[in-house]
Protein backbone atom coordinates (compact mmCIF):
# COMPACT_ATOMS: atom_id res chain seq x y z
CA MET A 1 0.00 0.00 0.00
CA GLY A 2 3.08 2.20 -0.14
CA SER A 3 4.49 4.03 -3.13
CA ARG A 4 5.94 2.44 -6.25
CA GLU A 5 9.37 3.72 -5.22
CA GLU A 6 9.08 1.97 -1.85
CA GLY A 7 8.07 -1.26 -3.57
CA ASP A 8 11.01 -1.02 -5.95
CA ALA A 9 13.38 -0.29 -3.04
CA PHE A 10 12.06 -3.35 -1.18
CA LEU A 11 12.57 -5.58 -4.22
CA GLN A 12 15.99 -4.13 -5.13
CA SER A 13 17.94 -6.29 -2.68
CA LEU A 14 15.75 -9.36 -3.23
CA TRP A 15 15.14 -9.37 -6.96
CA PRO A 16 16.48 -6.29 -8.79
CA GLU A 17 14.76 -7.18 -12.09
CA ALA A 18 11.31 -7.28 -10.47
CA ARG A 19 9.05 -4.26 -10.59
CA GLY A 20 6.84 -3.15 -7.71
CA LEU A 21 3.33 -1.77 -7.98
CA ALA A 22 1.61 0.84 -5.83
CA ASP A 23 -1.88 0.01 -4.60
CA PRO A 24 -2.88 2.62 -2.00
CA ASP A 25 -6.59 1.94 -2.56
CA LYS A 26 -6.15 -1.82 -1.95
CA ARG A 27 -7.81 -2.78 -5.24
CA LEU A 28 -5.31 -5.57 -5.92
CA TYR A 29 -5.44 -6.69 -2.29
CA GLU A 30 -9.20 -7.08 -2.66
CA ALA A 31 -8.96 -8.71 -6.10
CA PHE A 32 -6.49 -11.28 -4.75
CA ASN A 33 -8.50 -11.75 -1.52
CA VAL A 34 -5.54 -10.89 0.72
CA ASN A 35 -6.45 -11.68 4.32
CA ARG A 36 -6.48 -9.34 7.27
CA GLY A 37 -4.95 -10.55 10.51
CA GLY A 38 -5.97 -10.30 14.12
CA VAL A 39 -3.94 -9.82 17.27
CA VAL A 40 -2.29 -13.26 17.03
CA GLU A 41 -1.27 -12.80 13.39
CA MET A 42 0.15 -9.32 14.07
CA PHE A 43 1.66 -9.72 17.54
CA GLY A 44 1.83 -13.48 18.18
CA PRO A 45 4.95 -15.64 18.52
CA GLY A 46 5.57 -16.03 14.78
CA ALA A 47 5.36 -12.31 14.10
CA VAL A 48 7.51 -11.45 17.13
CA ALA A 49 10.19 -14.01 16.17
CA CYS A 50 10.36 -12.60 12.65
CA GLY A 51 10.51 -9.06 14.04
CA ILE A 52 13.46 -9.97 16.27
CA ARG A 53 15.25 -11.71 13.40
CA ALA A 54 14.69 -8.69 11.13
CA THR A 55 15.95 -6.30 13.79
CA MET A 56 19.08 -8.38 14.25
CA LYS A 57 19.69 -8.02 10.49
CA GLY A 58 19.36 -4.25 10.77
CA ASN A 59 15.79 -4.00 9.49
CA PHE A 60 13.24 -2.06 11.49
CA VAL A 61 9.51 -1.45 11.33
CA GLY A 62 8.93 1.58 9.15
CA ARG A 63 5.98 3.88 8.99
CA LYS A 64 2.74 2.12 8.26
CA HIS A 65 0.89 2.46 4.98
CA GLY A 66 -2.80 1.86 4.60
CA ASP A 67 -4.47 -0.88 6.60
CA PRO A 68 -2.00 -2.14 9.25
CA TRP A 69 -4.01 -5.35 9.74
CA THR A 70 -3.46 -6.57 6.17
CA LEU A 71 -1.31 -9.69 6.10
CA PRO A 72 1.63 -9.89 3.70
CA ALA A 73 1.03 -11.38 0.29
CA PHE A 74 3.44 -11.73 -2.61
CA VAL A 75 2.10 -12.40 -6.09
CA LEU A 76 4.15 -12.88 -9.24
CA VAL A 77 2.10 -11.91 -12.27
CA SER A 78 2.96 -12.06 -15.95
CA GLY A 79 0.34 -10.51 -18.18
CA ASP A 80 -2.98 -11.87 -16.95
CA ARG A 81 -1.51 -14.99 -15.30
CA VAL A 82 -0.54 -15.58 -11.69
CA LEU A 83 2.72 -17.52 -11.83
CA TRP A 84 3.38 -17.80 -8.09
CA ARG A 85 1.81 -16.66 -4.83
CA HIS A 86 2.63 -16.61 -1.13
CA ASP A 87 0.04 -15.61 1.48
CA GLY A 88 1.52 -14.72 4.85
CA SER A 89 0.16 -16.47 7.93
CA HIS A 90 1.40 -13.67 10.21
CA ALA A 91 2.82 -10.15 9.91
CA GLY A 92 6.42 -11.28 9.42
CA ASP A 93 5.76 -14.22 7.13
CA HIS A 94 7.81 -13.64 3.99
CA PRO A 95 8.54 -16.36 1.45
CA ASP A 96 11.80 -18.03 0.69
CA TRP A 97 12.59 -15.89 -2.33
CA THR A 98 14.43 -18.72 -4.06
CA GLU A 99 11.09 -20.56 -4.31
CA ILE A 100 9.93 -18.02 -6.88
CA THR A 101 12.64 -18.71 -9.41
CA GLN A 102 12.37 -22.46 -8.86
CA ALA A 103 8.58 -22.45 -9.18
CA VAL A 104 8.46 -20.50 -12.42
CA GLY A 105 11.77 -21.55 -13.96
CA ILE A 106 13.45 -18.16 -13.99
């Protein structure tokens, strides 16, 4: 729900060739039926463990954008096809990025 520049900056270290999209109105979130979390998904053990691990790597929680209860979702789209998708089970649930290239043969 941030800006395109923030999405590109996020992807730069993970997958420089990928392009981010901005969706401040949550239209894509709704179209892809991205879930919203509750207290456990946002502040439970899994989210806290990921937060600690991220902090130890030098990453910190930034300013929030849009709906703070929206769970993370990562969708790889080519044209009108979804090639790969990961729906987070808690706030810090990010995929193993190597799965993307393996799944779609990149």
